[in-house]
Amino acid sequence: MTLFYSCNLINDTPDTVFQLVGLNANKIPRSFERVFKEYREQKINGKLKIPASDNKTMKPATCVEAVNYFYSNTFTADIEKIKKLNVTDDAKPIIAAGLELFEYAQEIQKNDFPKIAKMIDDGKSEEEINLAAKNLDDTKGIELDKKQEKMMKLLLPYANENGVEYKQL
């Protein structure tokens, strides 16, 4: 006797949904000002580095190179994994909210982060850089917070209803 089954008939567990959507949200910086303050300090101290082509050693980098290396694809794999989840109907709004959150965060990190990083590379004043980062926090950062709050308001009750264990900090 031969058995056939479709992977599409097997739903991903609530724990998997929580891991991919909830825990990966922790990768989103809480303060863009803090991110760029750290980059500015690393550049000043000569400690701004990215992996060399051998992937074994580190090489000096511009701020734009570092931001592109560390942030431009932060959520690419997560977004693809979330899109491939096979979930029950009660998890579909969580998946939609999670994708909206991660795609928006990815957009900020790909498009806005390099602009502020270039300001650091170009030697703009600390005040100019801080203002640009604060403006990003006060506009897109606020929108990002709203998207994350929307996702969490869906995710936490779902996790509770399905016995997912987690600690909220």
C-alpha atoms as a PDB file:
ATOM      1  CA  MET A   1       0.000   0.000   0.000  1.00  0.00           C
ATOM      2  CA  THR A   2       1.301   3.439  -0.932  1.00  0.00           C
ATOM      3  CA  LEU A   3       0.326   6.519   1.027  1.00  0.00           C
ATOM      4  CA  PHE A   4       0.305   9.966  -0.483  1.00  0.00           C
ATOM      5  CA  TYR A   5      -0.108  13.193   1.372  1.00  0.00           C
ATOM      6  CA  SER A   6       0.199  16.829   0.604  1.00  0.00           C
ATOM      7  CA  CYS A   7       2.276  19.119   2.732  1.00  0.00           C
ATOM      8  CA  ASN A   8      -0.450  21.680   2.153  1.00  0.00           C
ATOM      9  CA  LEU A   9      -2.758  19.644   4.371  1.00  0.00           C
ATOM     10  CA  ILE A  10      -0.401  19.913   7.319  1.00  0.00           C
ATOM     11  CA  ASN A  11      -0.617  23.221   9.125  1.00  0.00           C
ATOM     12  CA  ASP A  12       2.350  24.837  10.774  1.00  0.00           C
ATOM     13  CA  THR A  13       2.027  24.853  14.552  1.00  0.00           C
ATOM     14  CA  PRO A  14       1.048  27.912  16.590  1.00  0.00           C
ATOM     15  CA  ASP A  15       4.536  27.752  18.103  1.00  0.00           C
ATOM     16  CA  THR A  16       6.074  28.033  14.622  1.00  0.00           C
ATOM     17  CA  VAL A  17       3.846  31.013  13.844  1.00  0.00           C
ATOM     18  CA  PHE A  18       4.871  32.636  17.127  1.00  0.00           C
ATOM     19  CA  GLN A  19       8.565  31.977  16.498  1.00  0.00           C
ATOM     20  CA  LEU A  20       8.587  33.328  12.943  1.00  0.00           C
ATOM     21  CA  VAL A  21       6.289  36.289  13.421  1.00  0.00           C
ATOM     22  CA  GLY A  22       6.600  37.257  17.075  1.00  0.00           C
ATOM     23  CA  LEU A  23      10.200  36.555  17.951  1.00  0.00           C
ATOM     24  CA  ASN A  24      11.623  37.847  14.680  1.00  0.00           C
ATOM     25  CA  ALA A  25       9.989  41.197  15.427  1.00  0.00           C
ATOM     26  CA  ASN A  26      12.696  41.569  18.082  1.00  0.00           C
ATOM     27  CA  LYS A  27      15.144  42.262  15.229  1.00  0.00           C
ATOM     28  CA  ILE A  28      13.468  45.607  14.576  1.00  0.00           C
ATOM     29  CA  PRO A  29      15.457  48.452  16.162  1.00  0.00           C
ATOM     30  CA  ARG A  30      13.504  50.326  18.815  1.00  0.00           C
ATOM     31  CA  SER A  31      15.374  53.568  18.175  1.00  0.00           C
ATOM     32  CA  PHE A  32      16.871  54.630  14.881  1.00  0.00           C
ATOM     33  CA  GLU A  33      18.675  57.442  16.716  1.00  0.00           C
ATOM     34  CA  ARG A  34      20.494  54.860  18.836  1.00  0.00           C
ATOM     35  CA  VAL A  35      21.413  52.768  15.772  1.00  0.00           C
ATOM     36  CA  PHE A  36      23.063  55.711  14.052  1.00  0.00           C
ATOM     37  CA  LYS A  37      24.716  56.982  17.225  1.00  0.00           C
ATOM     38  CA  GLU A  38      26.400  53.568  17.500  1.00  0.00           C
ATOM     39  CA  TYR A  39      27.445  53.635  13.841  1.00  0.00           C
ATOM     40  CA  ARG A  40      28.823  57.159  14.194  1.00  0.00           C
ATOM     41  CA  GLU A  41      30.835  56.119  17.272  1.00  0.00           C
ATOM     42  CA  GLN A  42      32.176  53.004  15.522  1.00  0.00           C
ATOM     43  CA  LYS A  43      33.268  55.105  12.541  1.00  0.00           C
ATOM     44  CA  ILE A  44      34.973  57.669  14.776  1.00  0.00           C
ATOM     45  CA  ASN A  45      36.760  54.901  16.698  1.00  0.00           C
ATOM     46  CA  GLY A  46      37.798  53.078  13.513  1.00  0.00           C
ATOM     47  CA  LYS A  47      35.830  49.982  14.514  1.00  0.00           C
ATOM     48  CA  LEU A  48      33.322  49.951  11.676  1.00  0.00           C
ATOM     49  CA  LYS A  49      33.941  46.650   9.901  1.00  0.00           C
ATOM     50  CA  ILE A  50      32.230  44.045   7.761  1.00  0.00           C
ATOM     51  CA  PRO A  51      33.323  40.534   6.777  1.00  0.00           C
ATOM     52  CA  ALA A  52      36.010  40.409   4.095  1.00  0.00           C
ATOM     53  CA  SER A  53      35.510  38.394   0.923  1.00  0.00           C
ATOM     54  CA  ASP A  54      36.950  35.299   2.635  1.00  0.00           C
ATOM     55  CA  ASN A  55      34.163  35.514   5.262  1.00  0.00           C
ATOM     56  CA  LYS A  56      36.800  34.725   7.894  1.00  0.00           C
ATOM     57  CA  THR A  57      38.319  38.113   8.559  1.00  0.00           C
ATOM     58  CA  MET A  58      36.914  41.586   9.005  1.00  0.00           C
ATOM     59  CA  LYS A  59      37.768  44.604   6.890  1.00  0.00           C
ATOM     60  CA  PRO A  60      37.205  48.325   7.452  1.00  0.00           C
ATOM     61  CA  ALA A  61      33.948  49.598   5.982  1.00  0.00           C
ATOM     62  CA  THR A  62      32.130  52.794   5.258  1.00  0.00           C
ATOM     63  CA  CYS A  63      28.943  53.355   7.177  1.00  0.00           C
ATOM     64  CA  VAL A  64      26.898  52.768   4.016  1.00  0.00           C
ATOM     65  CA  GLU A  65      28.664  49.437   3.435  1.00  0.00           C
ATOM     66  CA  ALA A  66      28.039  48.380   7.033  1.00  0.00           C
ATOM     67  CA  VAL A  67      24.368  49.378   6.981  1.00  0.00           C
ATOM     68  CA  ASN A  68      23.838  47.611   3.670  1.00  0.00           C
ATOM     69  CA  TYR A  69      25.592  44.499   4.954  1.00  0.00           C
ATOM     70  CA  PHE A  70      23.907  44.303   8.352  1.00  0.00           C
ATOM     71  CA  TYR A  71      20.454  45.723   7.626  1.00  0.00           C
ATOM     72  CA  SER A  72      19.422  45.587   3.964  1.00  0.00           C
ATOM     73  CA  ASN A  73      18.366  41.933   4.056  1.00  0.00           C
ATOM     74  CA  THR A  74      17.530  41.477   7.734  1.00  0.00           C
ATOM     75  CA  PHE A  75      14.013  40.273   7.035  1.00  0.00           C
ATOM     76  CA  THR A  76      14.311  38.739   3.560  1.00  0.00           C
ATOM     77  CA  ALA A  77      14.524  35.132   4.773  1.00  0.00           C
ATOM     78  CA  ASP A  78      11.903  35.744   7.477  1.00  0.00           C
ATOM     79  CA  ILE A  79       9.462  37.197   4.949  1.00  0.00           C
ATOM     80  CA  GLU A  80       9.934  34.194   2.660  1.00  0.00           C
ATOM     81  CA  LYS A  81       9.451  31.737   5.543  1.00  0.00           C
ATOM     82  CA  ILE A  82       6.320  33.558   6.719  1.00  0.00           C
ATOM     83  CA  LYS A  83       4.885  33.525   3.185  1.00  0.00           C
ATOM     84  CA  LYS A  84       5.405  29.752   3.058  1.00  0.00           C
ATOM     85  CA  LEU A  85       3.608  29.073   6.340  1.00  0.00           C
ATOM     86  CA  ASN A  86       0.536  26.906   6.026  1.00  0.00           C
ATOM     87  CA  VAL A  87      -1.759  28.074   8.796  1.00  0.00           C
ATOM     88  CA  THR A  88      -5.316  27.760   9.992  1.00  0.00           C
ATOM     89  CA  ASP A  89      -7.803  30.527   9.283  1.00  0.00           C
ATOM     90  CA  ASP A  90      -7.396  31.981  12.781  1.00  0.00           C
ATOM     91  CA  ALA A  91      -3.682  32.621  12.121  1.00  0.00           C
ATOM     92  CA  LYS A  92      -4.101  34.248   8.692  1.00  0.00           C
ATOM     93  CA  PRO A  93      -4.634  37.791  10.072  1.00  0.00           C
ATOM     94  CA  ILE A  94      -1.440  37.359  12.127  1.00  0.00           C
ATOM     95  CA  ILE A  95       0.480  36.337   9.028  1.00  0.00           C
ATOM     96  CA  ALA A  96      -0.875  39.323   7.093  1.00  0.00           C
ATOM     97  CA  ALA A  97       0.008  41.735   9.914  1.00  0.00           C
ATOM     98  CA  GLY A  98       3.446  40.154  10.294  1.00  0.00           C
ATOM     99  CA  LEU A  99       4.207  40.457   6.598  1.00  0.00           C
ATOM    100  CA  GLU A 100       3.061  44.072   6.626  1.00  0.00           C
ATOM    101  CA  LEU A 101       5.365  44.778   9.583  1.00  0.00           C
ATOM    102  CA  PHE A 102       8.440  43.019   8.211  1.00  0.00           C
ATOM    103  CA  GLU A 103       8.063  44.374   4.681  1.00  0.00           C
ATOM    104  CA  TYR A 104       7.778  47.915   6.059  1.00  0.00           C
ATOM    105  CA  ALA A 105      10.803  47.422   8.327  1.00  0.00           C
ATOM    106  CA  GLN A 106      12.753  46.003   5.378  1.00  0.00           C
ATOM    107  CA  GLU A 107      11.805  49.014   3.253  1.00  0.00           C
ATOM    108  CA  ILE A 108      13.082  51.416   5.932  1.00  0.00           C
ATOM    109  CA  GLN A 109      16.313  49.523   6.348  1.00  0.00           C
ATOM    110  CA  LYS A 110      16.942  49.270   2.594  1.00  0.00           C
ATOM    111  CA  ASN A 111      15.953  52.824   1.658  1.00  0.00           C
ATOM    112  CA  ASP A 112      16.257  55.135   4.662  1.00  0.00           C
ATOM    113  CA  PHE A 113      19.167  53.636   6.596  1.00  0.00           C
ATOM    114  CA  PRO A 114      21.695  54.106   3.742  1.00  0.00           C
ATOM    115  CA  LYS A 115      20.737  57.790   3.427  1.00  0.00           C
ATOM    116  CA  ILE A 116      21.576  58.480   7.063  1.00  0.00           C
ATOM    117  CA  ALA A 117      24.668  56.264   6.846  1.00  0.00           C
ATOM    118  CA  LYS A 118      25.868  58.370   3.895  1.00  0.00           C
ATOM    119  CA  MET A 119      25.505  61.472   6.045  1.00  0.00           C
ATOM    120  CA  ILE A 120      27.917  59.873   8.526  1.00  0.00           C
ATOM    121  CA  ASP A 121      30.345  58.937   5.733  1.00  0.00           C
ATOM    122  CA  ASP A 122      30.109  62.461   4.314  1.00  0.00           C
ATOM    123  CA  GLY A 123      31.093  63.947   7.686  1.00  0.00           C
ATOM    124  CA  LYS A 124      27.806  65.713   8.359  1.00  0.00           C
ATOM    125  CA  SER A 125      27.492  67.194  11.836  1.00  0.00           C
ATOM    126  CA  GLU A 126      26.265  65.147  14.762  1.00  0.00           C
ATOM    127  CA  GLU A 127      23.254  67.466  14.958  1.00  0.00           C
ATOM    128  CA  GLU A 128      22.313  66.869  11.305  1.00  0.00           C
ATOM    129  CA  ILE A 129      22.639  63.099  11.683  1.00  0.00           C
ATOM    130  CA  ASN A 130      20.684  63.072  14.949  1.00  0.00           C
ATOM    131  CA  LEU A 131      17.941  65.181  13.368  1.00  0.00           C
ATOM    132  CA  ALA A 132      17.656  62.848  10.368  1.00  0.00           C
ATOM    133  CA  ALA A 133      17.491  59.788  12.648  1.00  0.00           C
ATOM    134  CA  LYS A 134      14.981  61.515  14.947  1.00  0.00           C
ATOM    135  CA  ASN A 135      12.823  62.437  11.949  1.00  0.00           C
ATOM    136  CA  LEU A 136      12.902  58.796  10.857  1.00  0.00           C
ATOM    137  CA  ASP A 137      11.899  57.726  14.383  1.00  0.00           C
ATOM    138  CA  ASP A 138       9.137  60.344  14.490  1.00  0.00           C
ATOM    139  CA  THR A 139       7.630  59.399  11.127  1.00  0.00           C
ATOM    140  CA  LYS A 140       8.295  55.895   9.879  1.00  0.00           C
ATOM    141  CA  GLY A 141       9.302  54.712  13.347  1.00  0.00           C
ATOM    142  CA  ILE A 142       5.872  55.636  14.683  1.00  0.00           C
ATOM    143  CA  GLU A 143       4.196  53.849  11.772  1.00  0.00           C
ATOM    144  CA  LEU A 144       6.405  50.817  12.390  1.00  0.00           C
ATOM    145  CA  ASP A 145       5.368  50.814  16.067  1.00  0.00           C
ATOM    146  CA  LYS A 146       1.703  50.876  15.025  1.00  0.00           C
ATOM    147  CA  LYS A 147       2.217  47.921  12.699  1.00  0.00           C
ATOM    148  CA  GLN A 148       4.020  46.000  15.419  1.00  0.00           C
ATOM    149  CA  GLU A 149       1.298  46.770  17.964  1.00  0.00           C
ATOM    150  CA  LYS A 150      -1.360  45.586  15.491  1.00  0.00           C
ATOM    151  CA  MET A 151       0.517  42.332  14.937  1.00  0.00           C
ATOM    152  CA  MET A 152       1.074  41.738  18.669  1.00  0.00           C
ATOM    153  CA  LYS A 153      -2.611  42.362  19.461  1.00  0.00           C
ATOM    154  CA  LEU A 154      -3.405  39.483  17.134  1.00  0.00           C
ATOM    155  CA  LEU A 155      -0.467  37.243  18.032  1.00  0.00           C
ATOM    156  CA  LEU A 156      -0.624  37.206  21.841  1.00  0.00           C
ATOM    157  CA  PRO A 157      -4.263  36.091  22.159  1.00  0.00           C
ATOM    158  CA  TYR A 158      -3.594  33.464  19.470  1.00  0.00           C
ATOM    159  CA  ALA A 159      -0.555  32.231  21.404  1.00  0.00           C
ATOM    160  CA  ASN A 160      -2.525  32.127  24.660  1.00  0.00           C
ATOM    161  CA  GLU A 161      -5.450  30.273  23.064  1.00  0.00           C
ATOM    162  CA  ASN A 162      -3.079  27.705  21.579  1.00  0.00           C
ATOM    163  CA  GLY A 163      -0.886  27.110  24.626  1.00  0.00           C
ATOM    164  CA  VAL A 164       2.262  28.719  23.261  1.00  0.00           C
ATOM    165  CA  GLU A 165       4.612  29.469  26.132  1.00  0.00           C
ATOM    166  CA  TYR A 166       6.410  32.802  26.035  1.00  0.00           C
ATOM    167  CA  LYS A 167       7.741  35.477  28.343  1.00  0.00           C
ATOM    168  CA  GLN A 168       6.821  39.059  27.769  1.00  0.00           C
ATOM    169  CA  LEU A 169       9.435  41.610  28.806  1.00  0.00           C
END
